[in-house]
């Protein structure tokens, strides 16, 4: 929608967007530098010892790497949620919004069917409110709320404004 904004609003949004872009580039550089350092240290250890890894050692190394990646994803989701749900007015506006809730209708016609609420909880978790039953679902389930036949059709989408720290 940025293209439809007035020039004065674009100017206001450009500040936040520039901060957002710079922050993303810095995070990418740090991630890349960390991965390169890990690879160099690993190679240096292997060359220095002149040893060949056994299958068990390779599997252990793979599992450690996988655990580190999962921790990195979890930390990123935590930072994302802290930014998403902090009070408004504490950062620069970007003109970006994120989906935080959906009301759907499930049924073949407007005369009959059932309404369900979906609310973002944290990270990849959403809460599905189906009458008195509350269950946890994943983001992929939310992305599949496209309707068709007897499946849920999104009727109301609720977004939250994103800001970046100055």
N, C-alpha and C. Protein backbone atom coordinates (compact mmCIF):
# COMPACT_ATOMS: atom_id res chain seq x y z
N UNK A 1 0.81 -1.20 0.00
CA UNK A 1 0.00 0.00 0.00
C UNK A 1 0.86 1.27 0.00
N UNK A 2 2.16 1.07 0.16
CA UNK A 2 3.08 2.21 0.23
C UNK A 2 2.91 3.13 -0.97
N UNK A 3 2.71 2.56 -2.14
CA UNK A 3 2.57 3.34 -3.37
C UNK A 3 1.35 4.24 -3.38
N UNK A 4 0.37 3.95 -2.54
CA UNK A 4 -0.85 4.75 -2.48
C UNK A 4 -0.80 5.83 -1.40
N UNK A 5 0.30 5.89 -0.64
CA UNK A 5 0.43 6.88 0.44
C UNK A 5 0.76 8.25 -0.12
N UNK A 6 0.38 9.27 0.65
CA UNK A 6 0.73 10.64 0.26
C UNK A 6 2.25 10.82 0.42
N UNK A 7 2.78 11.85 -0.22
CA UNK A 7 4.22 12.10 -0.13
C UNK A 7 4.66 12.37 1.30
N UNK A 8 3.84 13.08 2.08
CA UNK A 8 4.21 13.38 3.46
C UNK A 8 4.23 12.10 4.31
N UNK A 9 3.29 11.19 4.08
CA UNK A 9 3.28 9.93 4.82
C UNK A 9 4.45 9.05 4.39
N UNK A 10 4.77 9.04 3.09
CA UNK A 10 5.92 8.27 2.62
C UNK A 10 7.20 8.73 3.30
N UNK A 11 7.35 10.04 3.45
CA UNK A 11 8.53 10.59 4.11
C UNK A 11 8.62 10.10 5.55
N UNK A 12 7.49 10.08 6.23
CA UNK A 12 7.44 9.61 7.62
C UNK A 12 7.78 8.12 7.69
N UNK A 13 7.27 7.33 6.76
CA UNK A 13 7.50 5.88 6.76
C UNK A 13 8.92 5.54 6.33
N UNK A 14 9.51 6.37 5.47
CA UNK A 14 10.87 6.09 4.96
C UNK A 14 11.89 6.00 6.09
N UNK A 15 11.73 6.82 7.14
CA UNK A 15 12.66 6.78 8.28
C UNK A 15 12.64 5.38 8.92
N UNK A 16 11.46 4.88 9.22
CA UNK A 16 11.35 3.56 9.84
C UNK A 16 11.81 2.45 8.92
N UNK A 17 11.50 2.58 7.65
CA UNK A 17 11.91 1.56 6.69
C UNK A 17 13.43 1.52 6.53
N UNK A 18 14.08 2.67 6.58
CA UNK A 18 15.54 2.71 6.49
C UNK A 18 16.17 2.05 7.71
N UNK A 19 15.62 2.33 8.89
CA UNK A 19 16.11 1.70 10.12
C UNK A 19 15.93 0.19 10.04
N UNK A 20 14.76 -0.23 9.56
CA UNK A 20 14.45 -1.65 9.44
C UNK A 20 15.42 -2.35 8.50
N UNK A 21 15.69 -1.75 7.36
CA UNK A 21 16.61 -2.32 6.37
C UNK A 21 18.03 -2.41 6.93
N UNK A 22 18.50 -1.35 7.59
CA UNK A 22 19.84 -1.34 8.16
C UNK A 22 19.97 -2.42 9.23
N UNK A 23 18.95 -2.54 10.08
CA UNK A 23 18.97 -3.54 11.15
C UNK A 23 19.01 -4.95 10.56
N UNK A 24 18.23 -5.20 9.53
CA UNK A 24 18.20 -6.52 8.89
C UNK A 24 19.55 -6.85 8.27
N UNK A 25 20.16 -5.88 7.62
CA UNK A 25 21.48 -6.10 7.00
C UNK A 25 22.54 -6.40 8.06
N UNK A 26 22.50 -5.68 9.19
CA UNK A 26 23.46 -5.92 10.27
C UNK A 26 23.27 -7.33 10.86
N UNK A 27 22.02 -7.74 11.05
CA UNK A 27 21.75 -9.09 11.58
C UNK A 27 22.25 -10.16 10.62
N UNK A 28 22.03 -9.94 9.33
CA UNK A 28 22.50 -10.90 8.32
C UNK A 28 24.03 -11.01 8.34
N UNK A 29 24.72 -9.88 8.47
CA UNK A 29 26.18 -9.89 8.53
C UNK A 29 26.67 -10.65 9.76
N UNK A 30 26.03 -10.41 10.91
CA UNK A 30 26.42 -11.10 12.14
C UNK A 30 26.20 -12.60 12.03
N UNK A 31 25.06 -12.99 11.45
CA UNK A 31 24.78 -14.41 11.27
C UNK A 31 25.81 -15.07 10.37
N UNK A 32 26.12 -14.42 9.26
CA UNK A 32 27.09 -14.94 8.30
C UNK A 32 28.48 -15.03 8.94
N UNK A 33 28.86 -13.99 9.67
CA UNK A 33 30.18 -14.00 10.32
C UNK A 33 30.25 -15.14 11.34
N UNK A 34 29.18 -15.37 12.08
CA UNK A 34 29.15 -16.46 13.06
C UNK A 34 29.27 -17.82 12.41
N UNK A 35 28.58 -18.01 11.30
CA UNK A 35 28.64 -19.29 10.59
C UNK A 35 30.03 -19.53 10.00
N UNK A 36 30.63 -18.48 9.44
CA UNK A 36 31.97 -18.62 8.88
C UNK A 36 32.98 -18.96 9.97
N UNK A 37 32.85 -18.29 11.12
CA UNK A 37 33.77 -18.55 12.23
C UNK A 37 33.63 -19.99 12.72
N UNK A 38 32.39 -20.48 12.85
CA UNK A 38 32.16 -21.86 13.28
C UNK A 38 32.78 -22.85 12.31
N UNK A 39 32.60 -22.60 11.02
CA UNK A 39 33.15 -23.50 10.01
C UNK A 39 34.68 -23.50 10.04
N UNK A 40 35.27 -22.32 10.19
CA UNK A 40 36.73 -22.23 10.25
C UNK A 40 37.28 -22.95 11.47
N UNK A 41 36.63 -22.76 12.63
CA UNK A 41 37.08 -23.42 13.86
C UNK A 41 36.96 -24.93 13.74
N UNK A 42 35.88 -25.38 13.15
CA UNK A 42 35.67 -26.82 12.98
C UNK A 42 36.73 -27.42 12.06
N UNK A 43 36.99 -26.74 10.95
CA UNK A 43 38.01 -27.21 10.00
C UNK A 43 39.39 -27.21 10.64
N UNK A 44 39.69 -26.15 11.40
CA UNK A 44 41.00 -26.05 12.04
C UNK A 44 41.19 -27.16 13.06
N UNK A 45 40.14 -27.48 13.80
CA UNK A 45 40.23 -28.55 14.79
C UNK A 45 40.50 -29.89 14.11
N UNK A 46 39.79 -30.15 13.03
CA UNK A 46 39.97 -31.42 12.33
C UNK A 46 41.35 -31.52 11.68
N UNK A 47 41.78 -30.45 11.06
CA UNK A 47 43.10 -30.47 10.39
C UNK A 47 44.22 -30.56 11.42
N UNK A 48 44.06 -29.84 12.53
CA UNK A 48 45.08 -29.84 13.56
C UNK A 48 45.25 -31.22 14.18
N UNK A 49 44.18 -31.94 14.32
CA UNK A 49 44.25 -33.26 14.92
C UNK A 49 44.54 -34.34 13.88
N UNK A 50 44.36 -33.99 12.63
CA UNK A 50 44.58 -34.97 11.58
C UNK A 50 43.67 -36.16 11.71
N UNK A 51 42.48 -35.93 12.21
CA UNK A 51 41.59 -37.05 12.46
C UNK A 51 40.40 -37.04 11.50
N UNK A 52 39.90 -38.21 11.27
CA UNK A 52 38.72 -38.38 10.44
C UNK A 52 37.56 -38.72 11.38
N UNK A 53 36.43 -38.06 11.17
CA UNK A 53 35.27 -38.29 12.04
C UNK A 53 34.64 -39.64 11.77
N UNK A 54 34.25 -40.29 12.85
CA UNK A 54 33.48 -41.53 12.71
C UNK A 54 32.04 -41.15 12.41
N UNK A 55 31.25 -42.13 12.03
CA UNK A 55 29.83 -41.87 11.75
C UNK A 55 29.12 -41.35 12.98
N UNK A 56 29.47 -41.87 14.15
CA UNK A 56 28.85 -41.40 15.41
C UNK A 56 29.20 -39.94 15.67
N UNK A 57 30.46 -39.57 15.42
CA UNK A 57 30.88 -38.19 15.62
C UNK A 57 30.19 -37.25 14.63
N UNK A 58 30.05 -37.72 13.40
CA UNK A 58 29.35 -36.91 12.40
C UNK A 58 27.90 -36.69 12.80
N UNK A 59 27.25 -37.75 13.30
CA UNK A 59 25.86 -37.65 13.73
C UNK A 59 25.73 -36.71 14.93
N UNK A 60 26.68 -36.82 15.88
CA UNK A 60 26.66 -35.95 17.05
C UNK A 60 26.83 -34.48 16.62
N UNK A 61 27.75 -34.25 15.70
CA UNK A 61 27.98 -32.90 15.20
C UNK A 61 26.73 -32.36 14.50
N UNK A 62 26.06 -33.22 13.74
CA UNK A 62 24.83 -32.82 13.05
C UNK A 62 23.73 -32.46 14.05
N UNK A 63 23.60 -33.26 15.12
CA UNK A 63 22.57 -33.01 16.13
C UNK A 63 22.86 -31.73 16.91
N UNK A 64 24.12 -31.47 17.21
CA UNK A 64 24.49 -30.24 17.91
C UNK A 64 24.16 -29.03 17.02
N UNK A 65 24.48 -29.14 15.75
CA UNK A 65 24.16 -28.06 14.80
C UNK A 65 22.67 -27.83 14.69
N UNK A 66 21.91 -28.92 14.67
CA UNK A 66 20.46 -28.81 14.57
C UNK A 66 19.88 -28.16 15.83
N UNK A 67 20.39 -28.52 17.00
CA UNK A 67 19.93 -27.92 18.26
C UNK A 67 20.26 -26.43 18.29
N UNK A 68 21.43 -26.07 17.80
CA UNK A 68 21.82 -24.66 17.76
C UNK A 68 20.90 -23.88 16.82
N UNK A 69 20.56 -24.48 15.69
CA UNK A 69 19.66 -23.83 14.73
C UNK A 69 18.27 -23.64 15.33
N UNK A 70 17.76 -24.65 16.03
CA UNK A 70 16.45 -24.54 16.68
C UNK A 70 16.46 -23.45 17.75
N UNK A 71 17.56 -23.34 18.50
CA UNK A 71 17.69 -22.30 19.52
C UNK A 71 17.71 -20.93 18.87
N UNK A 72 18.40 -20.81 17.73
CA UNK A 72 18.46 -19.55 17.00
C UNK A 72 17.07 -19.14 16.52
N UNK A 73 16.30 -20.10 16.01
CA UNK A 73 14.94 -19.83 15.55
C UNK A 73 14.06 -19.40 16.73
N UNK A 74 14.20 -20.09 17.85
CA UNK A 74 13.40 -19.76 19.04
C UNK A 74 13.73 -18.35 19.54
N UNK A 75 15.01 -18.00 19.56
CA UNK A 75 15.42 -16.66 19.98
C UNK A 75 14.88 -15.60 19.04
N UNK A 76 14.93 -15.87 17.73
CA UNK A 76 14.41 -14.93 16.74
C UNK A 76 12.91 -14.73 16.92
N UNK A 77 12.16 -15.81 17.18
CA UNK A 77 10.72 -15.70 17.40
C UNK A 77 10.43 -14.88 18.65
N UNK A 78 11.22 -15.06 19.70
CA UNK A 78 11.04 -14.30 20.93
C UNK A 78 11.26 -12.81 20.68
N UNK A 79 12.34 -12.46 19.97
CA UNK A 79 12.60 -11.04 19.64
C UNK A 79 11.47 -10.48 18.78
N UNK A 80 11.00 -11.28 17.83
CA UNK A 80 9.92 -10.85 16.95
C UNK A 80 8.66 -10.55 17.76
N UNK A 81 8.29 -11.45 18.68
CA UNK A 81 7.08 -11.26 19.48
C UNK A 81 7.21 -10.06 20.41
N UNK A 82 8.40 -9.86 20.99
CA UNK A 82 8.61 -8.70 21.86
C UNK A 82 8.41 -7.41 21.07
N UNK A 83 8.88 -7.37 19.84
CA UNK A 83 8.71 -6.20 18.99
C UNK A 83 7.25 -6.03 18.57
N UNK A 84 6.61 -7.14 18.22
CA UNK A 84 5.23 -7.09 17.74
C UNK A 84 4.27 -6.61 18.81
N UNK A 85 4.46 -7.03 20.05
CA UNK A 85 3.49 -6.75 21.10
C UNK A 85 3.91 -5.66 22.08
N UNK A 86 4.93 -4.91 21.77
CA UNK A 86 5.28 -3.80 22.66
C UNK A 86 4.28 -2.67 22.42
N UNK A 87 4.14 -1.75 23.39
CA UNK A 87 3.18 -0.65 23.23
C UNK A 87 3.51 0.20 22.00
N UNK A 88 2.47 0.69 21.33
CA UNK A 88 2.66 1.53 20.15
C UNK A 88 3.23 2.89 20.54
N UNK A 89 3.89 3.52 19.58
CA UNK A 89 4.44 4.84 19.79
C UNK A 89 5.85 4.83 20.35
N UNK A 90 6.46 3.66 20.50
CA UNK A 90 7.81 3.57 21.04
C UNK A 90 8.86 3.40 19.95
N UNK A 91 8.44 3.40 18.71
CA UNK A 91 9.38 3.21 17.61
C UNK A 91 8.96 4.01 16.39
N UNK A 92 9.71 3.82 15.33
CA UNK A 92 9.42 4.50 14.07
C UNK A 92 8.45 3.65 13.25
N UNK A 93 7.49 4.31 12.63
CA UNK A 93 6.51 3.60 11.80
C UNK A 93 7.16 3.12 10.51
N UNK A 94 6.73 1.94 10.06
CA UNK A 94 7.27 1.38 8.82
C UNK A 94 6.21 1.24 7.74
N UNK A 95 4.96 1.31 8.14
CA UNK A 95 3.88 1.08 7.19
C UNK A 95 3.61 -0.40 6.99
N UNK A 96 4.28 -1.24 7.78
CA UNK A 96 4.07 -2.69 7.69
C UNK A 96 3.16 -3.14 8.82
N UNK A 97 2.37 -4.16 8.55
CA UNK A 97 1.44 -4.72 9.52
C UNK A 97 1.59 -6.23 9.52
N UNK A 98 1.20 -6.85 10.63
CA UNK A 98 1.27 -8.31 10.73
C UNK A 98 -0.06 -8.86 11.22
N UNK A 99 -0.46 -9.96 10.64
CA UNK A 99 -1.71 -10.63 11.00
C UNK A 99 -1.60 -11.18 12.42
N UNK A 100 -2.57 -10.83 13.29
CA UNK A 100 -2.57 -11.32 14.66
C UNK A 100 -3.89 -12.00 15.04
N UNK A 101 -4.89 -11.93 14.18
CA UNK A 101 -6.17 -12.58 14.48
C UNK A 101 -7.01 -12.75 13.23
N UNK A 102 -7.86 -13.77 13.24
CA UNK A 102 -8.74 -14.05 12.12
C UNK A 102 -10.07 -14.57 12.66
N UNK A 103 -11.16 -14.14 12.04
CA UNK A 103 -12.47 -14.74 12.30
C UNK A 103 -12.87 -15.43 11.00
N UNK A 104 -13.22 -16.71 11.11
CA UNK A 104 -13.57 -17.48 9.91
C UNK A 104 -15.00 -17.99 10.00
N UNK A 105 -15.53 -18.32 8.84
CA UNK A 105 -16.84 -18.96 8.74
C UNK A 105 -16.63 -20.29 8.04
N UNK A 106 -17.23 -21.33 8.59
CA UNK A 106 -17.13 -22.66 8.00
C UNK A 106 -18.54 -23.11 7.64
N UNK A 107 -18.78 -23.26 6.37
CA UNK A 107 -20.10 -23.67 5.90
C UNK A 107 -20.29 -23.29 4.45
N UNK A 108 -21.29 -23.88 3.84
CA UNK A 108 -21.49 -23.66 2.39
C UNK A 108 -22.31 -22.42 2.07
N UNK A 109 -22.99 -21.84 3.06
CA UNK A 109 -23.78 -20.65 2.76
C UNK A 109 -23.77 -19.71 3.96
N UNK A 110 -24.18 -18.46 3.72
CA UNK A 110 -24.23 -17.48 4.79
C UNK A 110 -25.39 -17.77 5.75
N UNK A 111 -26.36 -18.58 5.30
CA UNK A 111 -27.52 -18.91 6.14
C UNK A 111 -27.20 -19.97 7.18
N UNK A 112 -26.13 -20.69 6.99
CA UNK A 112 -25.79 -21.74 7.94
C UNK A 112 -24.28 -21.87 8.04
N UNK A 113 -23.82 -22.46 9.11
CA UNK A 113 -22.38 -22.64 9.28
C UNK A 113 -21.95 -22.30 10.68
N UNK A 114 -20.69 -22.05 10.83
CA UNK A 114 -20.11 -21.89 12.16
C UNK A 114 -18.95 -20.90 12.09
N UNK A 115 -18.86 -20.02 13.09
CA UNK A 115 -17.77 -19.05 13.17
C UNK A 115 -16.72 -19.52 14.16
N UNK A 116 -15.44 -19.28 13.82
CA UNK A 116 -14.31 -19.68 14.67
C UNK A 116 -13.33 -18.51 14.73
N UNK A 117 -12.74 -18.28 15.91
CA UNK A 117 -11.73 -17.24 16.08
C UNK A 117 -10.34 -17.85 16.17
N UNK A 118 -9.36 -17.16 15.63
CA UNK A 118 -7.96 -17.60 15.63
C UNK A 118 -7.11 -16.41 16.06
N UNK A 119 -6.27 -16.60 17.09
CA UNK A 119 -5.47 -15.50 17.63
C UNK A 119 -4.01 -15.94 17.76
N UNK A 120 -3.10 -15.06 17.33
CA UNK A 120 -1.67 -15.36 17.47
C UNK A 120 -1.31 -15.39 18.94
N UNK A 121 -0.62 -16.43 19.38
CA UNK A 121 -0.19 -16.56 20.78
C UNK A 121 1.27 -16.13 20.91
N UNK A 122 2.16 -16.87 20.26
CA UNK A 122 3.59 -16.53 20.26
C UNK A 122 4.29 -17.38 19.22
N UNK A 123 5.36 -16.83 18.67
CA UNK A 123 6.16 -17.59 17.71
C UNK A 123 5.31 -18.16 16.60
N UNK A 124 5.33 -19.48 16.49
CA UNK A 124 4.59 -20.20 15.45
C UNK A 124 3.26 -20.74 15.98
N UNK A 125 2.88 -20.34 17.19
CA UNK A 125 1.66 -20.87 17.80
C UNK A 125 0.50 -19.89 17.71
N UNK A 126 -0.65 -20.43 17.35
CA UNK A 126 -1.90 -19.68 17.32
C UNK A 126 -2.92 -20.44 18.17
N UNK A 127 -3.90 -19.71 18.69
CA UNK A 127 -4.98 -20.33 19.44
C UNK A 127 -6.23 -20.32 18.58
N UNK A 128 -6.90 -21.46 18.51
CA UNK A 128 -8.15 -21.60 17.77
C UNK A 128 -9.29 -21.66 18.79
N UNK A 129 -10.22 -20.71 18.70
CA UNK A 129 -11.37 -20.65 19.61
C UNK A 129 -12.60 -21.14 18.86
N UNK A 130 -13.00 -22.36 19.15
CA UNK A 130 -14.15 -22.99 18.50
C UNK A 130 -15.18 -23.26 19.60
N UNK A 131 -16.09 -22.31 19.80
CA UNK A 131 -17.04 -22.35 20.92
C UNK A 131 -16.27 -22.42 22.23
N UNK A 132 -16.48 -23.46 23.02
CA UNK A 132 -15.80 -23.57 24.31
C UNK A 132 -14.53 -24.40 24.23
N UNK A 133 -14.11 -24.76 23.04
CA UNK A 133 -12.91 -25.56 22.85
C UNK A 133 -11.79 -24.66 22.32
N UNK A 134 -10.69 -24.61 23.06
CA UNK A 134 -9.51 -23.83 22.63
C UNK A 134 -8.39 -24.81 22.35
N UNK A 135 -7.82 -24.70 21.17
CA UNK A 135 -6.71 -25.59 20.81
C UNK A 135 -5.58 -24.78 20.19
N UNK A 136 -4.39 -25.36 20.20
CA UNK A 136 -3.21 -24.72 19.64
C UNK A 136 -2.99 -25.23 18.22
N UNK A 137 -2.72 -24.31 17.30
CA UNK A 137 -2.43 -24.66 15.91
C UNK A 137 -1.16 -23.92 15.47
N UNK A 138 -0.63 -24.27 14.33
CA UNK A 138 0.59 -23.67 13.79
C UNK A 138 0.24 -22.62 12.72
N UNK A 139 1.20 -21.81 12.38
CA UNK A 139 1.02 -20.76 11.38
C UNK A 139 0.56 -21.35 10.05
N UNK A 140 1.06 -22.52 9.67
CA UNK A 140 0.64 -23.15 8.42
C UNK A 140 -0.86 -23.38 8.38
N UNK A 141 -1.46 -23.69 9.54
CA UNK A 141 -2.91 -23.88 9.60
C UNK A 141 -3.64 -22.57 9.31
N UNK A 142 -3.09 -21.47 9.77
CA UNK A 142 -3.70 -20.15 9.52
C UNK A 142 -3.61 -19.81 8.04
N UNK A 143 -2.48 -20.13 7.44
CA UNK A 143 -2.29 -19.82 6.02
C UNK A 143 -3.20 -20.65 5.12
N UNK A 144 -3.80 -21.70 5.66
CA UNK A 144 -4.68 -22.54 4.85
C UNK A 144 -6.15 -22.16 4.99
N UNK A 145 -6.45 -21.04 5.63
CA UNK A 145 -7.84 -20.61 5.82
C UNK A 145 -8.35 -19.91 4.56
N UNK A 146 -8.47 -20.65 3.49
CA UNK A 146 -8.83 -20.08 2.18
C UNK A 146 -10.24 -20.42 1.75
N UNK A 147 -10.95 -21.17 2.54
CA UNK A 147 -12.30 -21.54 2.14
C UNK A 147 -12.30 -22.66 1.14
N UNK A 148 -13.44 -22.82 0.50
CA UNK A 148 -13.60 -23.89 -0.48
C UNK A 148 -14.34 -25.05 0.16
N UNK A 149 -15.50 -25.36 -0.36
CA UNK A 149 -16.28 -26.47 0.18
C UNK A 149 -16.69 -26.21 1.61
N UNK A 150 -16.36 -27.12 2.47
CA UNK A 150 -16.74 -27.00 3.88
C UNK A 150 -15.58 -26.50 4.75
N UNK A 151 -14.58 -25.88 4.17
CA UNK A 151 -13.46 -25.43 4.97
C UNK A 151 -13.64 -23.97 5.37
N UNK A 152 -12.85 -23.51 6.32
CA UNK A 152 -12.92 -22.16 6.86
C UNK A 152 -12.59 -21.10 5.81
N UNK A 153 -13.40 -20.04 5.79
CA UNK A 153 -13.14 -18.89 4.95
C UNK A 153 -12.91 -17.69 5.86
N UNK A 154 -11.80 -17.00 5.68
CA UNK A 154 -11.51 -15.83 6.50
C UNK A 154 -12.50 -14.72 6.19
N UNK A 155 -13.21 -14.26 7.23
CA UNK A 155 -14.17 -13.16 7.08
C UNK A 155 -13.60 -11.85 7.61
N UNK A 156 -12.83 -11.94 8.67
CA UNK A 156 -12.29 -10.75 9.30
C UNK A 156 -10.83 -11.02 9.67
N UNK A 157 -9.92 -10.19 9.15
CA UNK A 157 -8.50 -10.32 9.45
C UNK A 157 -8.08 -9.13 10.30
N UNK A 158 -7.38 -9.39 11.39
CA UNK A 158 -6.98 -8.35 12.33
C UNK A 158 -5.46 -8.23 12.27
N UNK A 159 -5.00 -7.01 12.01
CA UNK A 159 -3.56 -6.76 11.87
C UNK A 159 -3.07 -5.81 12.96
N UNK A 160 -1.79 -5.91 13.26
CA UNK A 160 -1.15 -5.01 14.21
C UNK A 160 -0.01 -4.27 13.50
N UNK A 161 0.07 -2.99 13.78
CA UNK A 161 1.10 -2.14 13.16
C UNK A 161 2.48 -2.51 13.69
N UNK A 162 3.46 -2.60 12.78
CA UNK A 162 4.84 -2.89 13.16
C UNK A 162 5.64 -1.59 13.22
N UNK A 163 6.45 -1.47 14.26
CA UNK A 163 7.35 -0.34 14.41
C UNK A 163 8.76 -0.88 14.66
N UNK A 164 9.76 -0.06 14.37
CA UNK A 164 11.15 -0.43 14.67
C UNK A 164 11.70 0.58 15.67
N UNK A 165 12.61 0.11 16.52
CA UNK A 165 13.24 1.00 17.50
C UNK A 165 14.15 1.98 16.79
N UNK A 166 14.07 3.22 17.21
CA UNK A 166 14.90 4.28 16.61
C UNK A 166 16.33 4.19 17.10
